[in-house]
Amino acid sequence: MMLYGSHIRIYVIILKLKTGGKIRMIKDVVGISVAALICLLAGVIGSVFTYPAIPVWYAALNKPFFNPPNWIFGPVWTALYIMMGASVYLIWNKRKEGIEATKGLVVFAGQLFLNIIWSVVFFGYKDLFFGLLIIIFLWALILICMVQFGKLSRNAMLLLVPYIVWVSFAAILNAAFWLMN
């Protein structure tokens, strides 16, 4: 329970939420938590295809020298999904301001779907080439999402920077796997 409380404080610090009182802050904490859980659910769905492939198929792949250790992926993706949730929550709160928020939310949903599909194709179907194609489209959708979010909230856009950096690295890694295997 203490760890969960620490995460809530981190959300408030990162986002520098301007609240109108405790009720607004509680609403924001609950909203960010729900949005983060939705994003984490995407990771759980992807992991259904990822975990079974790691000990045999993934372990047997020829890997580039810059391949990180397996233990790093879980914590990194957890942090990324939480930041994605905080980001989309900020835009969700702006949906009454016009069509731009709706466009951003649709693009966000599309990239989240591709995030899941990449795991299905790369780990589930063990298809390195189509995994590479999907991650390129995923990267493009993240960039479009960042531009769209940036029109409404600088913080929402900035919260996606680590995500696009990680997906850029993952795309390079995917390309290396494809070339080496």
Protein backbone atom coordinates (compact mmCIF):
# COMPACT_ATOMS: atom_id res chain seq x y z
CA MET A 1 0.00 0.00 0.00
CA MET A 2 2.87 2.35 0.70
CA LEU A 3 4.20 1.85 -2.83
CA TYR A 4 0.82 2.83 -4.27
CA GLY A 5 0.77 6.00 -2.15
CA SER A 6 4.24 6.87 -3.41
CA HIS A 7 3.02 6.54 -7.00
CA ILE A 8 0.16 8.94 -6.30
CA ARG A 9 2.58 11.53 -4.93
CA ILE A 10 4.79 11.08 -7.99
CA TYR A 11 1.83 11.71 -10.30
CA VAL A 12 1.00 14.93 -8.51
CA ILE A 13 4.62 16.11 -8.60
CA ILE A 14 5.22 15.19 -12.25
CA LEU A 15 2.04 16.76 -13.54
CA LYS A 16 2.09 19.82 -11.26
CA LEU A 17 -1.66 19.60 -11.15
CA LYS A 18 -3.41 22.86 -10.44
CA THR A 19 -6.26 21.76 -8.25
CA GLY A 20 -9.22 23.67 -6.99
CA GLY A 21 -9.02 21.88 -3.67
CA LYS A 22 -8.88 18.38 -2.27
CA ILE A 23 -11.90 17.14 -4.23
CA ARG A 24 -10.23 18.13 -7.52
CA MET A 25 -6.98 16.49 -6.43
CA ILE A 26 -8.75 13.25 -5.48
CA LYS A 27 -10.57 13.29 -8.83
CA ASP A 28 -7.25 13.76 -10.64
CA VAL A 29 -5.53 10.98 -8.69
CA VAL A 30 -8.40 8.60 -9.40
CA GLY A 31 -8.53 9.65 -13.07
CA ILE A 32 -4.79 9.23 -13.58
CA SER A 33 -4.91 5.86 -11.82
CA VAL A 34 -7.75 4.62 -14.02
CA ALA A 35 -6.03 5.87 -17.19
CA ALA A 36 -2.75 4.27 -16.09
CA LEU A 37 -4.53 0.97 -15.38
CA ILE A 38 -6.04 1.00 -18.88
CA CYS A 39 -2.57 1.50 -20.37
CA LEU A 40 -1.11 -1.16 -18.07
CA LEU A 41 -3.84 -3.51 -19.28
CA ALA A 42 -2.42 -3.13 -22.79
CA GLY A 43 0.89 -4.31 -21.36
CA VAL A 44 -0.76 -7.27 -19.66
CA ILE A 45 -2.44 -8.28 -22.93
CA GLY A 46 0.88 -8.00 -24.77
CA SER A 47 2.64 -10.01 -22.08
CA VAL A 48 0.32 -12.96 -22.75
CA PHE A 49 2.20 -13.31 -26.04
CA THR A 50 5.59 -12.11 -24.80
CA TYR A 51 6.33 -14.25 -21.74
CA PRO A 52 5.89 -17.69 -23.33
CA ALA A 53 8.27 -16.74 -26.16
CA ILE A 54 11.12 -15.43 -24.00
CA PRO A 55 12.67 -18.65 -22.60
CA VAL A 56 12.91 -20.51 -25.91
CA TRP A 57 12.35 -18.46 -29.07
CA TYR A 58 13.63 -15.06 -27.89
CA ALA A 59 16.52 -16.65 -25.99
CA ALA A 60 17.66 -18.40 -29.18
CA LEU A 61 17.71 -15.23 -31.32
CA ASN A 62 21.01 -13.74 -32.38
CA LYS A 63 21.11 -10.44 -30.52
CA PRO A 64 23.04 -7.23 -31.14
CA PHE A 65 25.61 -6.06 -28.62
CA PHE A 66 23.26 -3.30 -27.42
CA ASN A 67 20.43 -5.68 -26.46
CA PRO A 68 19.47 -4.86 -22.85
CA PRO A 69 19.05 -7.57 -20.22
CA ASN A 70 15.56 -9.10 -20.08
CA TRP A 71 14.87 -7.83 -16.54
CA ILE A 72 14.91 -4.18 -17.71
CA PHE A 73 11.84 -4.45 -19.95
CA GLY A 74 9.23 -4.93 -17.21
CA PRO A 75 10.14 -1.87 -15.12
CA VAL A 76 10.64 0.33 -18.18
CA TRP A 77 7.30 -0.62 -19.73
CA THR A 78 5.52 -0.21 -16.39
CA ALA A 79 6.85 3.33 -16.02
CA LEU A 80 6.00 4.12 -19.65
CA TYR A 81 2.42 2.85 -19.32
CA ILE A 82 1.92 4.94 -16.18
CA MET A 83 3.24 8.07 -17.94
CA MET A 84 1.03 7.29 -20.95
CA GLY A 85 -1.95 7.07 -18.60
CA ALA A 86 -1.13 10.42 -17.02
CA SER A 87 -0.74 11.94 -20.47
CA VAL A 88 -4.03 10.66 -21.84
CA TYR A 89 -5.81 11.73 -18.66
CA LEU A 90 -4.70 15.32 -19.21
CA ILE A 91 -6.20 15.23 -22.70
CA TRP A 92 -9.34 13.42 -21.51
CA ASN A 93 -9.98 16.42 -19.27
CA LYS A 94 -9.84 18.71 -22.31
CA ARG A 95 -12.33 16.78 -24.45
CA LYS A 96 -15.03 19.43 -23.89
CA GLU A 97 -12.75 22.08 -25.41
CA GLY A 98 -13.26 20.83 -28.96
CA ILE A 99 -12.45 18.32 -31.64
CA GLU A 100 -8.67 18.44 -31.12
CA ALA A 101 -8.93 16.47 -27.87
CA THR A 102 -11.10 13.85 -29.55
CA LYS A 103 -8.60 13.54 -32.40
CA GLY A 104 -5.80 13.10 -29.88
CA LEU A 105 -7.71 10.45 -27.94
CA VAL A 106 -8.44 8.51 -31.15
CA VAL A 107 -4.78 8.59 -32.17
CA PHE A 108 -3.79 7.55 -28.65
CA ALA A 109 -6.18 4.58 -28.80
CA GLY A 110 -4.74 3.62 -32.20
CA GLN A 111 -1.15 3.65 -30.97
CA LEU A 112 -2.12 1.70 -27.86
CA PHE A 113 -3.76 -0.92 -30.09
CA LEU A 114 -0.61 -1.13 -32.26
CA ASN A 115 1.46 -1.47 -29.10
CA ILE A 116 -0.49 -4.65 -28.31
CA ILE A 117 -0.40 -5.89 -31.91
CA TRP A 118 3.38 -5.55 -32.01
CA SER A 119 3.69 -8.02 -29.12
CA VAL A 120 1.27 -10.40 -30.83
CA VAL A 121 3.19 -10.31 -34.12
CA PHE A 122 6.76 -10.16 -32.78
CA PHE A 123 6.46 -12.61 -29.89
CA GLY A 124 3.24 -14.49 -30.66
CA TYR A 125 3.77 -15.09 -34.37
CA LYS A 126 7.56 -14.71 -34.05
CA ASP A 127 7.62 -12.56 -37.18
CA LEU A 128 10.53 -10.16 -37.03
CA PHE A 129 9.82 -8.44 -40.37
CA PHE A 130 6.14 -7.69 -39.75
CA GLY A 131 7.01 -6.74 -36.18
CA LEU A 132 9.39 -4.16 -37.66
CA LEU A 133 6.69 -2.80 -39.97
CA ILE A 134 4.23 -2.52 -37.09
CA ILE A 135 6.70 -0.78 -34.80
CA ILE A 136 7.43 1.77 -37.54
CA PHE A 137 3.70 2.53 -37.78
CA LEU A 138 3.51 2.58 -33.98
CA TRP A 139 6.35 5.13 -33.85
CA ALA A 140 4.56 7.32 -36.41
CA LEU A 141 1.29 7.19 -34.45
CA ILE A 142 3.10 8.10 -31.23
CA LEU A 143 4.62 11.11 -32.98
CA ILE A 144 1.22 12.15 -34.36
CA CYS A 145 -0.25 11.67 -30.88
CA MET A 146 2.47 13.85 -29.36
CA VAL A 147 1.81 16.62 -31.88
CA GLN A 148 -1.94 16.40 -31.25
CA PHE A 149 -1.52 16.33 -27.47
CA GLY A 150 0.96 19.22 -27.68
CA LYS A 151 -1.77 21.43 -29.15
CA LEU A 152 -3.70 21.03 -25.90
CA SER A 153 -1.20 20.31 -23.14
CA ARG A 154 2.56 20.63 -23.09
CA ASN A 155 2.70 18.28 -20.08
CA ALA A 156 0.66 15.62 -21.90
CA MET A 157 3.06 15.79 -24.84
CA LEU A 158 6.18 15.74 -22.65
CA LEU A 159 4.95 12.68 -20.76
CA LEU A 160 5.12 10.77 -24.08
CA VAL A 161 8.76 11.70 -24.83
CA PRO A 162 10.25 8.72 -22.92
CA TYR A 163 7.77 6.45 -24.73
CA ILE A 164 8.81 7.54 -28.21
CA VAL A 165 12.49 7.33 -27.22
CA TRP A 166 11.99 3.76 -25.96
CA VAL A 167 9.98 2.74 -29.04
CA SER A 168 12.73 4.27 -31.23
CA PHE A 169 15.25 2.06 -29.45
CA ALA A 170 12.89 -0.94 -29.73
CA ALA A 171 12.53 -0.32 -33.47
CA ILE A 172 16.31 -0.30 -33.89
CA LEU A 173 16.50 -3.48 -31.83
CA ASN A 174 13.73 -5.08 -33.90
CA ALA A 175 15.56 -4.16 -37.11
CA ALA A 176 18.78 -5.68 -35.74
CA PHE A 177 16.96 -8.90 -34.83
CA TRP A 178 15.49 -9.07 -38.32
CA LEU A 179 18.89 -8.51 -39.96
CA MET A 180 20.72 -10.97 -37.69
CA ASN A 181 18.20 -13.80 -37.81
